PDB file of N, CA and C in Angstrom:
ATOM      1  N   MET A   1     -68.096  81.061  11.962  1.00  0.00           N
ATOM      2  CA  MET A   1     -67.361  80.960  10.702  1.00  0.00           C
ATOM      3  C   MET A   1     -66.517  82.208  10.464  1.00  0.00           C
ATOM      4  N   ASP A   2     -66.328  82.995  11.519  1.00  0.00           N
ATOM      5  CA  ASP A   2     -65.609  84.250  11.364  1.00  0.00           C
ATOM      6  C   ASP A   2     -64.116  84.062  11.122  1.00  0.00           C
ATOM      7  N   HIS A   3     -63.559  82.882  11.445  1.00  0.00           N
ATOM      8  CA  HIS A   3     -62.135  82.667  11.200  1.00  0.00           C
ATOM      9  C   HIS A   3     -61.884  81.891   9.904  1.00  0.00           C
ATOM     10  N   ILE A   4     -62.901  81.799   9.069  1.00  0.00           N
ATOM     11  CA  ILE A   4     -62.765  81.179   7.749  1.00  0.00           C
ATOM     12  C   ILE A   4     -62.530  82.294   6.733  1.00  0.00           C
ATOM     13  N   PRO A   5     -61.412  82.259   6.022  1.00  0.00           N
ATOM     14  CA  PRO A   5     -61.187  83.293   4.999  1.00  0.00           C
ATOM     15  C   PRO A   5     -62.311  83.268   3.955  1.00  0.00           C
ATOM     16  N   PRO A   6     -62.833  84.429   3.583  1.00  0.00           N
ATOM     17  CA  PRO A   6     -63.914  84.480   2.593  1.00  0.00           C
ATOM     18  C   PRO A   6     -63.554  83.746   1.293  1.00  0.00           C
ATOM     19  N   LYS A   7     -62.288  83.829   0.900  1.00  0.00           N
ATOM     20  CA  LYS A   7     -61.852  83.158  -0.326  1.00  0.00           C
ATOM     21  C   LYS A   7     -62.002  81.635  -0.195  1.00  0.00           C
ATOM     22  N   LEU A   8     -61.764  81.088   1.000  1.00  0.00           N
ATOM     23  CA  LEU A   8     -61.918  79.660   1.244  1.00  0.00           C
ATOM     24  C   LEU A   8     -63.391  79.275   1.210  1.00  0.00           C
ATOM     25  N   LYS A   9     -64.237  80.074   1.839  1.00  0.00           N
ATOM     26  CA  LYS A   9     -65.688  79.804   1.825  1.00  0.00           C
ATOM     27  C   LYS A   9     -66.202  79.809   0.393  1.00  0.00           C
ATOM     28  N   GLU A  10     -65.769  80.764  -0.393  1.00  0.00           N
ATOM     29  CA  GLU A  10     -66.175  80.849  -1.798  1.00  0.00           C
ATOM     30  C   GLU A  10     -65.699  79.612  -2.567  1.00  0.00           C
ATOM     31  N   TYR A  11     -64.455  79.205  -2.322  1.00  0.00           N
ATOM     32  CA  TYR A  11     -63.921  78.014  -2.981  1.00  0.00           C
ATOM     33  C   TYR A  11     -64.759  76.782  -2.634  1.00  0.00           C
ATOM     34  N   LEU A  12     -65.048  76.597  -1.350  1.00  0.00           N
ATOM     35  CA  LEU A  12     -65.826  75.430  -0.929  1.00  0.00           C
ATOM     36  C   LEU A  12     -67.213  75.419  -1.553  1.00  0.00           C
ATOM     37  N   ASP A  13     -67.868  76.570  -1.562  1.00  0.00           N
ATOM     38  CA  ASP A  13     -69.209  76.642  -2.152  1.00  0.00           C
ATOM     39  C   ASP A  13     -69.182  76.290  -3.642  1.00  0.00           C
ATOM     40  N   THR A  14     -68.139  76.712  -4.347  1.00  0.00           N
ATOM     41  CA  THR A  14     -68.008  76.416  -5.771  1.00  0.00           C
ATOM     42  C   THR A  14     -67.618  74.953  -5.993  1.00  0.00           C
ATOM     43  N   ALA A  15     -66.651  74.468  -5.223  1.00  0.00           N
ATOM     44  CA  ALA A  15     -66.139  73.108  -5.404  1.00  0.00           C
ATOM     45  C   ALA A  15     -67.173  72.047  -5.050  1.00  0.00           C
ATOM     46  N   ARG A  16     -68.092  72.361  -4.153  1.00  0.00           N
ATOM     47  CA  ARG A  16     -69.092  71.387  -3.728  1.00  0.00           C
ATOM     48  C   ARG A  16     -70.310  71.350  -4.647  1.00  0.00           C
ATOM     49  N   ALA A  17     -70.370  72.196  -5.636  1.00  0.00           N
ATOM     50  CA  ALA A  17     -71.526  72.215  -6.544  1.00  0.00           C
ATOM     51  C   ALA A  17     -71.736  70.807  -7.098  1.00  0.00           C
ATOM     52  N   PRO A  18     -72.919  70.351  -7.218  1.00  0.00           N
ATOM     53  CA  PRO A  18     -74.216  71.024  -7.142  1.00  0.00           C
ATOM     54  C   PRO A  18     -74.821  71.111  -5.743  1.00  0.00           C
ATOM     55  N   LEU A  19     -74.067  70.766  -4.690  1.00  0.00           N
ATOM     56  CA  LEU A  19     -74.577  70.921  -3.335  1.00  0.00           C
ATOM     57  C   LEU A  19     -74.772  72.403  -3.035  1.00  0.00           C
ATOM     58  N   PRO A  20     -75.728  72.724  -2.154  1.00  0.00           N
ATOM     59  CA  PRO A  20     -75.938  74.139  -1.821  1.00  0.00           C
ATOM     60  C   PRO A  20     -74.746  74.699  -1.045  1.00  0.00           C
ATOM     61  N   PRO A  21     -74.589  76.018  -1.032  1.00  0.00           N
ATOM     62  CA  PRO A  21     -73.502  76.651  -0.272  1.00  0.00           C
ATOM     63  C   PRO A  21     -73.566  76.248   1.199  1.00  0.00           C
ATOM     64  N   VAL A  22     -72.414  76.220   1.835  1.00  0.00           N
ATOM     65  CA  VAL A  22     -72.335  75.877   3.256  1.00  0.00           C
ATOM     66  C   VAL A  22     -72.891  77.036   4.065  1.00  0.00           C
ATOM     67  N   SER A  23     -73.899  76.754   4.870  1.00  0.00           N
ATOM     68  CA  SER A  23     -74.481  77.803   5.706  1.00  0.00           C
ATOM     69  C   SER A  23     -74.354  77.471   7.191  1.00  0.00           C
ATOM     70  N   ASP A  24     -74.199  76.200   7.519  1.00  0.00           N
ATOM     71  CA  ASP A  24     -74.064  75.745   8.899  1.00  0.00           C
ATOM     72  C   ASP A  24     -72.630  75.255   9.104  1.00  0.00           C
ATOM     73  N   PRO A  25     -71.897  75.822  10.067  1.00  0.00           N
ATOM     74  CA  PRO A  25     -70.503  75.429  10.252  1.00  0.00           C
ATOM     75  C   PRO A  25     -70.325  73.971  10.672  1.00  0.00           C
ATOM     76  N   ASP A  26     -71.394  73.326  11.145  1.00  0.00           N
ATOM     77  CA  ASP A  26     -71.314  71.927  11.552  1.00  0.00           C
ATOM     78  C   ASP A  26     -71.884  70.966  10.510  1.00  0.00           C
ATOM     79  N   GLU A  27     -72.262  71.493   9.372  1.00  0.00           N
ATOM     80  CA  GLU A  27     -72.780  70.681   8.262  1.00  0.00           C
ATOM     81  C   GLU A  27     -71.611  69.916   7.620  1.00  0.00           C
ATOM     82  N   PRO A  28     -71.773  68.608   7.398  1.00  0.00           N
ATOM     83  CA  PRO A  28     -70.692  67.868   6.724  1.00  0.00           C
ATOM     84  C   PRO A  28     -70.385  68.473   5.356  1.00  0.00           C
ATOM     85  N   LEU A  29     -69.101  68.629   5.057  1.00  0.00           N
ATOM     86  CA  LEU A  29     -68.697  69.228   3.786  1.00  0.00           C
ATOM     87  C   LEU A  29     -68.854  68.253   2.621  1.00  0.00           C
ATOM     88  N   GLN A  30     -68.880  66.962   2.904  1.00  0.00           N
ATOM     89  CA  GLN A  30     -69.061  65.942   1.872  1.00  0.00           C
ATOM     90  C   GLN A  30     -68.014  66.065   0.766  1.00  0.00           C
ATOM     91  N   ILE A  31     -66.749  66.097   1.182  1.00  0.00           N
ATOM     92  CA  ILE A  31     -65.646  66.197   0.235  1.00  0.00           C
ATOM     93  C   ILE A  31     -65.073  64.804   0.023  1.00  0.00           C
ATOM     94  N   ASP A  32     -64.964  64.381  -1.228  1.00  0.00           N
ATOM     95  CA  ASP A  32     -64.369  63.074  -1.520  1.00  0.00           C
ATOM     96  C   ASP A  32     -62.842  63.203  -1.551  1.00  0.00           C
ATOM     97  N   SER A  33     -62.160  62.091  -1.799  1.00  0.00           N
ATOM     98  CA  SER A  33     -60.692  62.100  -1.725  1.00  0.00           C
ATOM     99  C   SER A  33     -60.067  63.042  -2.749  1.00  0.00           C
ATOM    100  N   LEU A  34     -60.588  63.076  -3.956  1.00  0.00           N
ATOM    101  CA  LEU A  34     -60.055  63.999  -4.963  1.00  0.00           C
ATOM    102  C   LEU A  34     -60.342  65.445  -4.561  1.00  0.00           C
ATOM    103  N   GLY A  35     -61.529  65.668  -4.016  1.00  0.00           N
ATOM    104  CA  GLY A  35     -61.873  66.996  -3.541  1.00  0.00           C
ATOM    105  C   GLY A  35     -60.961  67.451  -2.417  1.00  0.00           C
ATOM    106  N   LEU A  36     -60.563  66.511  -1.567  1.00  0.00           N
ATOM    107  CA  LEU A  36     -59.644  66.837  -0.478  1.00  0.00           C
ATOM    108  C   LEU A  36     -58.279  67.249  -1.019  1.00  0.00           C
ATOM    109  N   ILE A  37     -57.797  66.522  -2.009  1.00  0.00           N
ATOM    110  CA  ILE A  37     -56.510  66.868  -2.629  1.00  0.00           C
ATOM    111  C   ILE A  37     -56.582  68.260  -3.248  1.00  0.00           C
ATOM    112  N   ARG A  38     -57.681  68.546  -3.918  1.00  0.00           N
ATOM    113  CA  ARG A  38     -57.852  69.871  -4.525  1.00  0.00           C
ATOM    114  C   ARG A  38     -57.943  70.967  -3.463  1.00  0.00           C
ATOM    115  N   LEU A  39     -58.637  70.668  -2.368  1.00  0.00           N
ATOM    116  CA  LEU A  39     -58.760  71.638  -1.280  1.00  0.00           C
ATOM    117  C   LEU A  39     -57.396  71.932  -0.662  1.00  0.00           C
ATOM    118  N   VAL A  40     -56.613  70.897  -0.408  1.00  0.00           N
ATOM    119  CA  VAL A  40     -55.274  71.095   0.161  1.00  0.00           C
ATOM    120  C   VAL A  40     -54.411  71.904  -0.811  1.00  0.00           C
ATOM    121  N   ALA A  41     -54.503  71.592  -2.096  1.00  0.00           N
ATOM    122  CA  ALA A  41     -53.747  72.353  -3.099  1.00  0.00           C
ATOM    123  C   ALA A  41     -54.179  73.821  -3.086  1.00  0.00           C
ATOM    124  N   PHE A  42     -55.471  74.071  -2.955  1.00  0.00           N
ATOM    125  CA  PHE A  42     -55.979  75.444  -2.883  1.00  0.00           C
ATOM    126  C   PHE A  42     -55.437  76.148  -1.640  1.00  0.00           C
ATOM    127  N   LEU A  43     -55.507  75.478  -0.487  1.00  0.00           N
ATOM    128  CA  LEU A  43     -55.016  76.075   0.752  1.00  0.00           C
ATOM    129  C   LEU A  43     -53.543  76.451   0.632  1.00  0.00           C
ATOM    130  N   GLU A  44     -52.766  75.564   0.021  1.00  0.00           N
ATOM    131  CA  GLU A  44     -51.327  75.806  -0.078  1.00  0.00           C
ATOM    132  C   GLU A  44     -50.983  76.845  -1.144  1.00  0.00           C
ATOM    133  N   SER A  45     -51.599  76.755  -2.308  1.00  0.00           N
ATOM    134  CA  SER A  45     -51.219  77.666  -3.394  1.00  0.00           C
ATOM    135  C   SER A  45     -51.898  79.034  -3.296  1.00  0.00           C
ATOM    136  N   ASP A  46     -53.163  79.064  -2.965  1.00  0.00           N
ATOM    137  CA  ASP A  46     -53.898  80.331  -2.964  1.00  0.00           C
ATOM    138  C   ASP A  46     -53.858  81.068  -1.623  1.00  0.00           C
ATOM    139  N   LEU A  47     -53.820  80.313  -0.529  1.00  0.00           N
ATOM    140  CA  LEU A  47     -53.857  80.946   0.785  1.00  0.00           C
ATOM    141  C   LEU A  47     -52.524  80.859   1.525  1.00  0.00           C
ATOM    142  N   GLY A  48     -51.577  80.104   0.971  1.00  0.00           N
ATOM    143  CA  GLY A  48     -50.265  80.000   1.600  1.00  0.00           C
ATOM    144  C   GLY A  48     -50.269  79.242   2.916  1.00  0.00           C
ATOM    145  N   ILE A  49     -51.220  78.335   3.077  1.00  0.00           N
ATOM    146  CA  ILE A  49     -51.338  77.545   4.300  1.00  0.00           C
ATOM    147  C   ILE A  49     -50.841  76.140   4.014  1.00  0.00           C
ATOM    148  N   ARG A  50     -49.739  75.763   4.639  1.00  0.00           N
ATOM    149  CA  ARG A  50     -49.140  74.446   4.424  1.00  0.00           C
ATOM    150  C   ARG A  50     -49.847  73.422   5.300  1.00  0.00           C
ATOM    151  N   ILE A  51     -50.358  72.363   4.672  1.00  0.00           N
ATOM    152  CA  ILE A  51     -50.996  71.264   5.388  1.00  0.00           C
ATOM    153  C   ILE A  51     -49.998  70.121   5.473  1.00  0.00           C
ATOM    154  N   GLU A  52     -49.646  69.739   6.691  1.00  0.00           N
ATOM    155  CA  GLU A  52     -48.689  68.657   6.905  1.00  0.00           C
ATOM    156  C   GLU A  52     -49.387  67.308   6.740  1.00  0.00           C
ATOM    157  N   ASP A  53     -48.604  66.276   6.426  1.00  0.00           N
ATOM    158  CA  ASP A  53     -49.159  64.940   6.228  1.00  0.00           C
ATOM    159  C   ASP A  53     -49.978  64.477   7.429  1.00  0.00           C
ATOM    160  N   GLU A  54     -49.480  64.741   8.640  1.00  0.00           N
ATOM    161  CA  GLU A  54     -50.175  64.283   9.839  1.00  0.00           C
ATOM    162  C   GLU A  54     -51.487  65.038  10.083  1.00  0.00           C
ATOM    163  N   GLU A  55     -51.703  66.128   9.369  1.00  0.00           N
ATOM    164  CA  GLU A  55     -52.952  66.897   9.483  1.00  0.00           C
ATOM    165  C   GLU A  55     -54.005  66.430   8.477  1.00  0.00           C
ATOM    166  N   LEU A  56     -53.631  65.537   7.588  1.00  0.00           N
ATOM    167  CA  LEU A  56     -54.566  65.030   6.577  1.00  0.00           C
ATOM    168  C   LEU A  56     -55.456  63.948   7.180  1.00  0.00           C
ATOM    169  N   LEU A  57     -56.277  64.365   8.113  1.00  0.00           N
ATOM    170  CA  LEU A  57     -57.216  63.488   8.795  1.00  0.00           C
ATOM    171  C   LEU A  57     -58.631  63.887   8.413  1.00  0.00           C
ATOM    172  N   ALA A  58     -59.488  62.895   8.251  1.00  0.00           N
ATOM    173  CA  ALA A  58     -60.870  63.169   7.845  1.00  0.00           C
ATOM    174  C   ALA A  58     -61.550  64.158   8.779  1.00  0.00           C
ATOM    175  N   GLU A  59     -61.287  64.043  10.090  1.00  0.00           N
ATOM    176  CA  GLU A  59     -61.970  64.940  11.033  1.00  0.00           C
ATOM    177  C   GLU A  59     -61.549  66.398  10.874  1.00  0.00           C
ATOM    178  N   ASN A  60     -60.371  66.677  10.319  1.00  0.00           N
ATOM    179  CA  ASN A  60     -59.952  68.063  10.094  1.00  0.00           C
ATOM    180  C   ASN A  60     -60.692  68.714   8.930  1.00  0.00           C
ATOM    181  N   PHE A  61     -61.272  67.906   8.055  1.00  0.00           N
ATOM    182  CA  PHE A  61     -61.932  68.426   6.857  1.00  0.00           C
ATOM    183  C   PHE A  61     -63.405  68.029   6.790  1.00  0.00           C
ATOM    184  N   ALA A  62     -63.952  67.572   7.909  1.00  0.00           N
ATOM    185  CA  ALA A  62     -65.326  67.077   7.932  1.00  0.00           C
ATOM    186  C   ALA A  62     -66.361  68.191   7.830  1.00  0.00           C
ATOM    187  N   THR A  63     -66.110  69.291   8.543  1.00  0.00           N
ATOM    188  CA  THR A  63     -67.057  70.411   8.565  1.00  0.00           C
ATOM    189  C   THR A  63     -66.289  71.722   8.413  1.00  0.00           C
ATOM    190  N   LEU A  64     -67.012  72.777   8.167  1.00  0.00           N
ATOM    191  CA  LEU A  64     -66.382  74.091   8.074  1.00  0.00           C
ATOM    192  C   LEU A  64     -65.777  74.476   9.427  1.00  0.00           C
ATOM    193  N   ARG A  65     -66.434  74.097  10.508  1.00  0.00           N
ATOM    194  CA  ARG A  65     -65.916  74.394  11.845  1.00  0.00           C
ATOM    195  C   ARG A  65     -64.594  73.668  12.087  1.00  0.00           C
ATOM    196  N   SER A  66     -64.525  72.381  11.745  1.00  0.00           N
ATOM    197  CA  SER A  66     -63.283  71.625  11.977  1.00  0.00           C
ATOM    198  C   SER A  66     -62.154  72.152  11.095  1.00  0.00           C
ATOM    199  N   LEU A  67     -62.470  72.556   9.880  1.00  0.00           N
ATOM    200  CA  LEU A  67     -61.463  73.141   9.000  1.00  0.00           C
ATOM    201  C   LEU A  67     -60.997  74.486   9.564  1.00  0.00           C
ATOM    202  N   GLY A  68     -61.923  75.279  10.052  1.00  0.00           N
ATOM    203  CA  GLY A  68     -61.573  76.549  10.676  1.00  0.00           C
ATOM    204  C   GLY A  68     -60.714  76.362  11.911  1.00  0.00           C
ATOM    205  N   ASP A  69     -61.016  75.329  12.705  1.00  0.00           N
ATOM    206  CA  ASP A  69     -60.213  75.038  13.895  1.00  0.00           C
ATOM    207  C   ASP A  69     -58.787  74.675  13.501  1.00  0.00           C
ATOM    208  N   LEU A  70     -58.634  73.881  12.437  1.00  0.00           N
ATOM    209  CA  LEU A  70     -57.306  73.518  11.950  1.00  0.00           C
ATOM    210  C   LEU A  70     -56.531  74.770  11.533  1.00  0.00           C
ATOM    211  N   LEU A  71     -57.185  75.647  10.798  1.00  0.00           N
ATOM    212  CA  LEU A  71     -56.525  76.873  10.345  1.00  0.00           C
ATOM    213  C   LEU A  71     -56.150  77.761  11.524  1.00  0.00           C
ATOM    214  N   GLU A  72     -57.008  77.830  12.546  1.00  0.00           N
ATOM    215  CA  GLU A  72     -56.705  78.624  13.727  1.00  0.00           C
ATOM    216  C   GLU A  72     -55.483  78.076  14.464  1.00  0.00           C
ATOM    217  N   LYS A  73     -55.396  76.750  14.591  1.00  0.00           N
ATOM    218  CA  LYS A  73     -54.246  76.127  15.262  1.00  0.00           C
ATOM    219  C   LYS A  73     -52.969  76.430  14.483  1.00  0.00           C
ATOM    220  N   LYS A  74     -53.039  76.355  13.166  1.00  0.00           N
ATOM    221  CA  LYS A  74     -51.877  76.622  12.337  1.00  0.00           C
ATOM    222  C   LYS A  74     -51.450  78.078  12.467  1.00  0.00           C
ATOM    223  N   LYS A  75     -52.419  78.961  12.504  1.00  0.00           N
ATOM    224  CA  LYS A  75     -52.129  80.392  12.623  1.00  0.00           C
ATOM    225  C   LYS A  75     -51.491  80.689  13.989  1.00  0.00           C
ATOM    226  N   ALA A  76     -52.013  80.056  15.041  1.00  0.00           N
ATOM    227  CA  ALA A  76     -51.486  80.269  16.392  1.00  0.00           C
ATOM    228  C   ALA A  76     -50.057  79.730  16.508  1.00  0.00           C
ATOM    229  N   SER A  77     -49.791  78.606  15.875  1.00  0.00           N
ATOM    230  CA  SER A  77     -48.445  78.025  15.986  1.00  0.00           C
ATOM    231  C   SER A  77     -47.432  78.778  15.109  1.00  0.00           C
ATOM    232  N   ALA A  78     -47.921  79.509  14.111  1.00  0.00           N
ATOM    233  CA  ALA A  78     -47.037  80.269  13.229  1.00  0.00           C
ATOM    234  C   ALA A  78     -46.571  81.579  13.878  1.00  0.00           C
ATOM    235  N   THR A  79     -47.330  82.044  14.868  1.00  0.00           N
ATOM    236  CA  THR A  79     -46.969  83.317  15.500  1.00  0.00           C
ATOM    237  C   THR A  79     -46.142  83.126  16.747  1.00  0.00           C
TER     238      THR A  79
END
Protein backbone atom coordinates (compact mmCIF):
# COMPACT_ATOMS: atom_id res chain seq x y z
CA MET A 1 0.00 0.00 0.00
CA ASP A 2 3.06 2.21 -0.26
CA HIS A 3 1.88 3.82 -3.52
CA ILE A 4 -1.46 4.87 -2.01
CA PRO A 5 -1.44 8.55 -0.99
CA PRO A 6 -2.14 8.82 2.76
CA LYS A 7 -4.89 11.35 2.02
CA LEU A 8 -6.65 8.75 -0.18
CA LYS A 9 -6.35 6.03 2.49
CA GLU A 10 -7.81 8.44 5.05
CA TYR A 11 -10.66 9.32 2.69
CA LEU A 12 -11.49 5.66 2.06
CA ASP A 13 -11.45 4.80 5.75
CA THR A 14 -13.83 7.70 6.48
CA ALA A 15 -16.10 7.17 3.46
CA ARG A 16 -16.54 3.46 4.18
CA ALA A 17 -17.75 4.01 7.75
CA PRO A 18 -19.17 2.12 9.59
CA LEU A 19 -16.90 -0.52 7.99
CA PRO A 20 -13.51 -0.86 9.68
CA PRO A 21 -10.47 0.89 8.14
CA VAL A 22 -8.83 -0.90 5.22
CA SER A 23 -5.90 -2.91 6.51
CA ASP A 24 -5.50 -5.55 3.78
CA PRO A 25 -4.75 -4.25 0.26
CA ASP A 26 -6.71 -7.17 -1.24
CA GLU A 27 -9.80 -6.64 0.94
CA PRO A 28 -12.86 -5.63 -1.12
CA LEU A 29 -13.53 -1.92 -0.66
CA GLN A 30 -17.31 -2.46 -0.86
CA ILE A 31 -17.97 0.86 -2.58
CA ASP A 32 -21.45 1.34 -4.05
CA SER A 33 -22.17 3.38 -7.18
CA LEU A 34 -22.67 6.65 -5.30
CA GLY A 35 -19.53 5.97 -3.31
CA LEU A 36 -17.65 5.44 -6.56
CA ILE A 37 -18.82 8.79 -7.92
CA ARG A 38 -17.71 10.47 -4.69
CA LEU A 39 -14.35 8.68 -4.81
CA VAL A 40 -13.72 9.78 -8.40
CA ALA A 41 -14.70 13.35 -7.47
CA PHE A 42 -12.25 13.19 -4.54
CA LEU A 43 -9.45 11.84 -6.76
CA GLU A 44 -10.01 14.60 -9.30
CA SER A 45 -10.61 17.57 -6.99
CA ASP A 46 -8.38 16.79 -4.01
CA LEU A 47 -5.57 14.78 -5.58
CA GLY A 48 -5.64 16.15 -9.13
CA ILE A 49 -5.93 12.68 -10.65
CA ARG A 50 -8.17 12.60 -13.72
CA ILE A 51 -10.15 9.37 -14.12
CA GLU A 52 -11.14 8.73 -17.73
CA ASP A 53 -14.49 7.15 -18.63
CA GLU A 54 -12.80 3.97 -19.87
CA GLU A 55 -11.10 3.60 -16.45
CA LEU A 56 -14.44 3.51 -14.62
CA LEU A 57 -14.39 -0.26 -14.31
CA ALA A 58 -15.39 -2.16 -11.19
CA GLU A 59 -12.07 -4.03 -11.12
CA ASN A 60 -10.13 -0.74 -10.89
CA PHE A 61 -11.94 0.16 -7.66
CA ALA A 62 -12.48 -3.30 -6.15
CA THR A 63 -9.56 -3.28 -3.71
CA LEU A 64 -6.96 -0.87 -2.42
CA ARG A 65 -4.36 -2.77 -4.46
CA SER A 66 -6.32 -2.42 -7.72
CA LEU A 67 -6.91 1.28 -7.04
CA GLY A 68 -3.20 1.72 -6.30
CA ASP A 69 -2.32 -0.08 -9.54
CA LEU A 70 -4.59 2.29 -11.48
CA LEU A 71 -2.93 5.31 -9.87
CA GLU A 72 0.54 3.90 -10.61
CA LYS A 73 -0.35 3.39 -14.30
CA LYS A 74 -1.68 6.95 -14.50
CA LYS A 75 1.44 8.32 -12.83
CA ALA A 76 3.71 6.35 -15.19
CA SER A 77 1.84 7.53 -18.28
CA ALA A 78 1.95 11.16 -17.08
CA THR A 79 5.75 11.18 -16.92
